[in-house]
C-alpha atoms as a PDB file:
ATOM      1  CA  MET A   1     316.032 263.529 254.844  1.00  0.00           C
ATOM      2  CA  ALA A   2     314.053 261.510 252.342  1.00  0.00           C
ATOM      3  CA  LYS A   3     316.838 261.682 249.929  1.00  0.00           C
ATOM      4  CA  ARG A   4     319.289 260.187 252.431  1.00  0.00           C
ATOM      5  CA  LYS A   5     316.734 257.472 253.137  1.00  0.00           C
ATOM      6  CA  LYS A   6     316.770 256.417 249.434  1.00  0.00           C
ATOM      7  CA  LYS A   7     320.557 256.305 249.207  1.00  0.00           C
ATOM      8  CA  GLY A   8     320.841 254.279 252.310  1.00  0.00           C
ATOM      9  CA  ARG A   9     317.968 251.741 250.666  1.00  0.00           C
ATOM     10  CA  ARG A  10     319.870 251.572 247.369  1.00  0.00           C
ATOM     11  CA  GLN A  11     323.122 250.813 249.252  1.00  0.00           C
ATOM     12  CA  LYS A  12     321.253 248.242 250.916  1.00  0.00           C
ATOM     13  CA  ILE A  13     320.015 246.623 247.729  1.00  0.00           C
ATOM     14  CA  VAL A  14     323.398 246.646 246.022  1.00  0.00           C
ATOM     15  CA  SER A  15     324.958 245.127 249.023  1.00  0.00           C
ATOM     16  CA  ALA A  16     322.295 242.328 249.291  1.00  0.00           C
ATOM     17  CA  LEU A  17     322.558 241.702 245.498  1.00  0.00           C
ATOM     18  CA  ALA A  18     326.514 241.592 245.724  1.00  0.00           C
ATOM     19  CA  ASP A  19     326.322 239.112 248.594  1.00  0.00           C
ATOM     20  CA  ARG A  20     323.830 236.940 246.827  1.00  0.00           C
ATOM     21  CA  ARG A  21     325.608 237.166 243.510  1.00  0.00           C
ATOM     22  CA  ARG A  22     326.891 233.435 243.328  1.00  0.00           C
ATOM     23  CA  TRP A  23     323.316 232.378 244.137  1.00  0.00           C
ATOM     24  CA  ILE A  24     321.793 234.560 241.502  1.00  0.00           C
ATOM     25  CA  GLN A  25     324.591 233.270 239.063  1.00  0.00           C
ATOM     26  CA  LEU A  26     323.599 229.773 240.025  1.00  0.00           C
ATOM     27  CA  VAL A  27     319.929 230.255 239.232  1.00  0.00           C
ATOM     28  CA  LEU A  28     320.459 232.227 236.137  1.00  0.00           C
ATOM     29  CA  GLY A  29     323.138 229.955 234.803  1.00  0.00           C
ATOM     30  CA  ILE A  30     320.910 227.045 235.206  1.00  0.00           C
ATOM     31  CA  ALA A  31     317.988 228.417 233.707  1.00  0.00           C
ATOM     32  CA  ILE A  32     320.339 229.482 230.551  1.00  0.00           C
ATOM     33  CA  TYR A  33     321.611 225.924 230.474  1.00  0.00           C
ATOM     34  CA  VAL A  34     318.141 224.556 230.539  1.00  0.00           C
ATOM     35  CA  PHE A  35     316.823 226.848 227.700  1.00  0.00           C
ATOM     36  CA  VAL A  36     319.905 225.833 225.774  1.00  0.00           C
ATOM     37  CA  SER A  37     319.944 222.138 226.172  1.00  0.00           C
ATOM     38  CA  TYR A  38     316.258 221.229 226.819  1.00  0.00           C
ATOM     39  CA  TYR A  39     314.409 223.731 224.473  1.00  0.00           C
ATOM     40  CA  GLN A  40     317.333 223.903 221.954  1.00  0.00           C
ATOM     41  CA  ILE A  41     317.805 227.506 221.920  1.00  0.00           C
ATOM     42  CA  SER A  42     320.721 228.284 219.605  1.00  0.00           C
ATOM     43  CA  LEU A  43     323.944 229.619 221.288  1.00  0.00           C
ATOM     44  CA  TRP A  44     323.702 232.509 219.146  1.00  0.00           C
ATOM     45  CA  TRP A  45     320.768 233.691 220.962  1.00  0.00           C
ATOM     46  CA  VAL A  46     322.701 233.633 224.000  1.00  0.00           C
ATOM     47  CA  VAL A  47     325.481 235.469 222.499  1.00  0.00           C
ATOM     48  CA  ALA A  48     323.006 238.205 221.073  1.00  0.00           C
ATOM     49  CA  ALA A  49     321.430 238.410 224.565  1.00  0.00           C
ATOM     50  CA  GLY A  50     324.504 238.578 226.489  1.00  0.00           C
ATOM     51  CA  SER A  51     325.858 241.379 224.093  1.00  0.00           C
ATOM     52  CA  ALA A  52     322.533 243.257 224.341  1.00  0.00           C
ATOM     53  CA  ILE A  53     322.999 243.086 228.135  1.00  0.00           C
ATOM     54  CA  GLY A  54     326.442 244.276 227.477  1.00  0.00           C
ATOM     55  CA  ILE A  55     325.106 247.563 226.056  1.00  0.00           C
ATOM     56  CA  ILE A  56     323.171 248.344 229.083  1.00  0.00           C
ATOM     57  CA  TRP A  57     325.108 247.068 232.045  1.00  0.00           C
ATOM     58  CA  GLY A  58     328.573 246.186 230.743  1.00  0.00           C
ATOM     59  CA  LYS A  59     330.307 242.900 231.333  1.00  0.00           C
ATOM     60  CA  VAL A  60     327.645 241.608 233.960  1.00  0.00           C
ATOM     61  CA  PHE A  61     326.984 238.246 232.246  1.00  0.00           C
ATOM     62  CA  CYS A  62     330.206 236.748 233.219  1.00  0.00           C
ATOM     63  CA  ARG A  63     329.678 237.420 236.922  1.00  0.00           C
ATOM     64  CA  TRP A  64     325.908 237.335 237.186  1.00  0.00           C
ATOM     65  CA  MET A  65     324.725 234.632 234.608  1.00  0.00           C
ATOM     66  CA  CYS A  66     327.135 232.493 232.891  1.00  0.00           C
ATOM     67  CA  PRO A  67     326.932 228.725 233.508  1.00  0.00           C
ATOM     68  CA  VAL A  68     330.386 228.104 232.669  1.00  0.00           C
ATOM     69  CA  GLY A  69     331.313 230.968 234.931  1.00  0.00           C
ATOM     70  CA  ILE A  70     329.608 229.590 238.114  1.00  0.00           C
ATOM     71  CA  VAL A  71     331.367 226.150 237.539  1.00  0.00           C
ATOM     72  CA  MET A  72     334.844 227.932 237.386  1.00  0.00           C
ATOM     73  CA  GLU A  73     334.023 230.066 240.374  1.00  0.00           C
ATOM     74  CA  MET A  74     333.070 226.797 242.325  1.00  0.00           C
ATOM     75  CA  ILE A  75     336.338 225.278 241.220  1.00  0.00           C
ATOM     76  CA  MET A  76     338.275 228.372 242.301  1.00  0.00           C
ATOM     77  CA  LYS A  77     336.436 228.251 245.659  1.00  0.00           C
ATOM     78  CA  MET A  78     337.401 224.513 246.306  1.00  0.00           C
ATOM     79  CA  SER A  79     341.163 225.380 245.339  1.00  0.00           C
ATOM     80  CA  PRO A  80     342.083 228.839 245.135  1.00  0.00           C
ATOM     81  CA  SER A  81     345.582 228.097 243.829  1.00  0.00           C
ATOM     82  CA  GLN A  82     347.090 230.481 240.880  1.00  0.00           C
ATOM     83  CA  GLU A  83     346.692 227.585 238.497  1.00  0.00           C
ATOM     84  CA  PHE A  84     342.806 227.722 238.926  1.00  0.00           C
ATOM     85  CA  ARG A  85     342.813 231.516 238.958  1.00  0.00           C
ATOM     86  CA  GLN A  86     344.644 231.181 235.510  1.00  0.00           C
ATOM     87  CA  MET A  87     342.044 228.654 234.210  1.00  0.00           C
ATOM     88  CA  TYR A  88     339.300 230.939 235.198  1.00  0.00           C
ATOM     89  CA  GLN A  89     340.965 233.478 233.164  1.00  0.00           C
ATOM     90  CA  TYR A  90     341.668 231.355 230.298  1.00  0.00           C
ATOM     91  CA  HIS A  91     338.100 230.243 229.895  1.00  0.00           C
ATOM     92  CA  LYS A  92     337.023 233.954 229.185  1.00  0.00           C
ATOM     93  CA  ILE A  93     339.674 234.210 226.554  1.00  0.00           C
ATOM     94  CA  GLY A  94     337.366 231.984 224.228  1.00  0.00           C
ATOM     95  CA  CYS A  95     334.092 233.364 225.195  1.00  0.00           C
ATOM     96  CA  PRO A  96     332.582 235.556 222.663  1.00  0.00           C
ATOM     97  CA  ILE A  97     330.382 237.170 225.237  1.00  0.00           C
ATOM     98  CA  ALA A  98     333.082 238.085 227.656  1.00  0.00           C
ATOM     99  CA  TRP A  99     334.801 239.820 224.501  1.00  0.00           C
ATOM    100  CA  ILE A 100     331.795 241.901 223.483  1.00  0.00           C
ATOM    101  CA  SER A 101     330.623 242.951 226.652  1.00  0.00           C
ATOM    102  CA  GLY A 102     334.134 243.478 228.072  1.00  0.00           C
ATOM    103  CA  TRP A 103     334.876 245.848 225.035  1.00  0.00           C
ATOM    104  CA  LEU A 104     331.270 247.382 225.831  1.00  0.00           C
ATOM    105  CA  ASN A 105     332.301 248.371 229.468  1.00  0.00           C
ATOM    106  CA  LYS A 106     333.629 251.656 228.199  1.00  0.00           C
ATOM    107  CA  PHE A 107     330.265 252.532 226.494  1.00  0.00           C
ATOM    108  CA  SER A 108     327.565 250.627 228.522  1.00  0.00           C
ATOM    109  CA  ILE A 109     324.660 252.861 229.830  1.00  0.00           C
ATOM    110  CA  TYR A 110     325.498 251.666 233.451  1.00  0.00           C
ATOM    111  CA  LYS A 111     328.677 252.459 234.984  1.00  0.00           C
ATOM    112  CA  ILE A 112     330.387 252.610 238.420  1.00  0.00           C
ATOM    113  CA  GLN A 113     330.658 256.313 239.553  1.00  0.00           C
ATOM    114  CA  LEU A 114     332.497 257.722 242.249  1.00  0.00           C
ATOM    115  CA  ASN A 115     331.161 260.665 243.932  1.00  0.00           C
ATOM    116  CA  SER A 116     334.404 262.388 244.790  1.00  0.00           C
ATOM    117  CA  ASP A 117     332.718 264.913 247.190  1.00  0.00           C
ATOM    118  CA  THR A 118     331.620 262.297 249.661  1.00  0.00           C
ATOM    119  CA  CYS A 119     334.635 259.849 249.102  1.00  0.00           C
ATOM    120  CA  THR A 120     336.908 259.794 252.069  1.00  0.00           C
ATOM    121  CA  ALA A 121     339.550 257.792 250.276  1.00  0.00           C
ATOM    122  CA  CYS A 122     339.601 254.863 252.602  1.00  0.00           C
ATOM    123  CA  GLY A 123     340.383 252.467 249.949  1.00  0.00           C
ATOM    124  CA  LYS A 124     337.919 249.837 250.984  1.00  0.00           C
ATOM    125  CA  CYS A 125     336.788 249.921 247.144  1.00  0.00           C
ATOM    126  CA  ASP A 126     339.982 249.093 245.820  1.00  0.00           C
ATOM    127  CA  ASP A 127     340.614 246.420 248.392  1.00  0.00           C
ATOM    128  CA  ALA A 128     337.289 244.646 247.403  1.00  0.00           C
ATOM    129  CA  CYS A 129     338.130 244.885 243.755  1.00  0.00           C
ATOM    130  CA  TYR A 130     340.090 242.273 242.074  1.00  0.00           C
ATOM    131  CA  LEU A 131     341.538 244.368 239.522  1.00  0.00           C
ATOM    132  CA  PRO A 132     343.736 246.824 241.688  1.00  0.00           C
ATOM    133  CA  ALA A 133     344.938 243.478 243.555  1.00  0.00           C
ATOM    134  CA  ILE A 134     346.132 242.261 240.174  1.00  0.00           C
ATOM    135  CA  ASP A 135     347.908 245.580 239.342  1.00  0.00           C
ATOM    136  CA  GLY A 136     347.659 248.195 241.920  1.00  0.00           C
ATOM    137  CA  GLN A 137     349.960 250.522 239.995  1.00  0.00           C
ATOM    138  CA  LYS A 138     347.361 250.915 237.219  1.00  0.00           C
ATOM    139  CA  TYR A 139     343.841 250.666 238.885  1.00  0.00           C
ATOM    140  CA  SER A 140     342.050 252.483 241.378  1.00  0.00           C
ATOM    141  CA  LEU A 141     338.407 253.477 241.638  1.00  0.00           C
ATOM    142  CA  TYR A 142     339.160 256.525 243.772  1.00  0.00           C
ATOM    143  CA  LYS A 143     342.754 257.902 243.073  1.00  0.00           C
ATOM    144  CA  THR A 144     343.065 260.391 240.563  1.00  0.00           C
ATOM    145  CA  GLY A 145     345.173 259.827 237.390  1.00  0.00           C
ATOM    146  CA  MET A 146     344.727 255.952 237.435  1.00  0.00           C
ATOM    147  CA  ALA A 147     342.705 253.712 235.213  1.00  0.00           C
ATOM    148  CA  ASP A 148     339.065 253.096 236.468  1.00  0.00           C
ATOM    149  CA  PRO A 149     338.710 249.299 236.795  1.00  0.00           C
ATOM    150  CA  GLY A 150     334.915 249.603 236.232  1.00  0.00           C
ATOM    151  CA  GLU A 151     335.503 250.800 232.507  1.00  0.00           C
ATOM    152  CA  ASP A 152     338.377 248.095 231.907  1.00  0.00           C
ATOM    153  CA  PHE A 153     337.571 245.108 229.657  1.00  0.00           C
ATOM    154  CA  SER A 154     338.134 242.698 232.519  1.00  0.00           C
ATOM    155  CA  CYS A 155     335.815 244.092 235.006  1.00  0.00           C
ATOM    156  CA  SER A 156     332.787 241.932 235.316  1.00  0.00           C
ATOM    157  CA  LYS A 157     330.781 244.254 237.477  1.00  0.00           C
ATOM    158  CA  CYS A 158     330.446 241.988 240.380  1.00  0.00           C
ATOM    159  CA  LEU A 159     329.363 245.393 242.500  1.00  0.00           C
ATOM    160  CA  ILE A 160     331.544 244.311 245.463  1.00  0.00           C
ATOM    161  CA  CYS A 161     333.198 247.620 245.445  1.00  0.00           C
ATOM    162  CA  VAL A 162     330.006 249.594 245.360  1.00  0.00           C
ATOM    163  CA  ALA A 163     328.712 247.381 248.375  1.00  0.00           C
ATOM    164  CA  LYS A 164     331.874 247.896 250.215  1.00  0.00           C
ATOM    165  CA  CYS A 165     331.910 251.510 250.149  1.00  0.00           C
ATOM    166  CA  PRO A 166     331.078 252.673 253.845  1.00  0.00           C
ATOM    167  CA  ASN A 167     329.242 255.735 252.924  1.00  0.00           C
ATOM    168  CA  GLY A 168     327.827 255.244 249.574  1.00  0.00           C
ATOM    169  CA  SER A 169     330.142 257.022 247.376  1.00  0.00           C
ATOM    170  CA  LEU A 170     330.185 254.653 244.554  1.00  0.00           C
ATOM    171  CA  LYS A 171     327.129 253.953 242.698  1.00  0.00           C
ATOM    172  CA  PHE A 172     326.036 251.548 239.892  1.00  0.00           C
ATOM    173  CA  LYS A 173     323.811 254.083 237.832  1.00  0.00           C
ATOM    174  CA  PRO A 174     323.080 255.100 234.294  1.00  0.00           C
ATOM    175  CA  VAL A 175     325.253 257.589 232.536  1.00  0.00           C
ATOM    176  CA  PHE A 176     323.921 258.893 229.310  1.00  0.00           C
ATOM    177  CA  THR A 177     327.331 259.714 227.698  1.00  0.00           C
ATOM    178  CA  LEU A 178     329.172 257.516 225.408  1.00  0.00           C
ATOM    179  CA  MET A 179     332.734 258.969 226.265  1.00  0.00           C
ATOM    180  CA  LYS A 180     333.921 260.365 229.557  1.00  0.00           C
END
């Protein structure tokens, strides 16, 4: 019984964080901007810190901390046309943190993991994830034989898939193996 309460509590925490992700990104993005502009912190330190974070959590910097990312998301929210979506992806192409941490998604300590024993294959995780929406033939969090979007270069670990799982079959937790 205590184990079930702990699982429910973790699910609520992840859901609360995912629901407040843009606010978290806004606060952290402003803090990073202040450190770089006011305190004259070199951008190389930001790249190094973003890359170090990528080793632990994968590509979280883009969706949880990036000052440019929050501006791009605000623009996308104001006008969700396809041109703005392409512009959002374009700014990531030139970002060294996105490149490094995207590559580190496969090797990061924390990963999005599926418990196939409790998964009901409802598909809510795939509906919430933006990668299956882009290419539903290639990515799925729960279907066997398809690419795991959580390990893909483009996954920014927004954790909406984990929050949307109705029975907690998806978790964002540490794995201590380098390869699958």
